[in-house]
């Protein structure tokens, strides 16, 4: 379950709430003030459904092929707040893995308060050709139940601060005796854990889901302690930076720099490679840093395309970024279709290529970052 837990934590820690202009005190920023009337009314006065339903698809050589869906209800609590979404998503894969999760994201009181809650459960069966760089194949079955939440308050202008917490109970099981022995040797047995932490957010993007300008900072930590849940005491720190540049009459260059650092963490909670094209959780290190750039092209009112590339490094302990074995490049292309013009929500089909025959095909909601 290491795979889904890491994916869950990455989504939870790096999920953007977005911002809109709020009541004083607010400093100037490049954002635009949206003309929001209700979740079902567009700027042309036409009714737009508050429901969002998106099919999802992915394929890679590690998790197999997956089919799924995301369904959510969108609502504006007031004219100055971000869109709130309450939904469910699910996925079933060709390896007989199954995941379902409930997600709630709310913004209210002129976007002064934000809340995110995620509750996933599932069984994931992994098939690794080269597990954690050992050169050995491994099949594992991971079981997960978790609850995560984050609350943020606008403290001044575009700055937010708040707290977050996570409770998780997962178990990793080898699919045969040899796989179980390898998991035990590597110390990957799963764990029950609970943690709390702080979060600081700064956001001057002009729109949450399809920004054309502005920059974003997300700094947070989780302190896992045995007095909350489980038997492990360790810390995880994350820093995510994004910036967006509009050019050439509506095209956008997006750049992201992301980091994750662990302290006294078990191997299962080490930092993963976060780039597209790599299976979340297959390659782990004590520390991870990555940079990626994406050019977003607009061909028509409803269609666009992306070209992206990036490089991640796993380091710490005996790993160094001077060793090419610890460097993970990727590149890829994608096409997008705008399904909710007012919110800038797109459906995206992408192909990403990594090294060592790693690749991924993804149909999902939203851009890569």
Foldseek 3Di string as FASTA:
>chain_A
DLQVVQVVVVCVQPPDQAFADFDPPADDFPADHAPDDKCQADPVRHGRAQKDKFWKWKAWPKQGIKTKMKIWGWIDQDRQWDIWIWIKMWMAHPVRKIKIKTWTWDADDNRQKIKIKMWMWIKGWTWACQFQNPNHIFIKIKTKTKIKMWMWGDPGHQKIKTKIKMWMFMFIGGPDPVRRVVCVVLVNGTWTWMWMKMKMKGWRFRANFDGAFTKIKIWMKIFIDVVVPIDDTKMKIKIKIKGWHHDDVGKIKIKIKIKMAIGRDRQSPFRFDLDALDRRRRHGARMKIKMKMKIWADDDPFKIKIKMKMKMFHDDDPGDPVDCVRIKIKIWMKMWGQPDVSNRKIWMWMWMHIPPRGIMTITDIGDPD
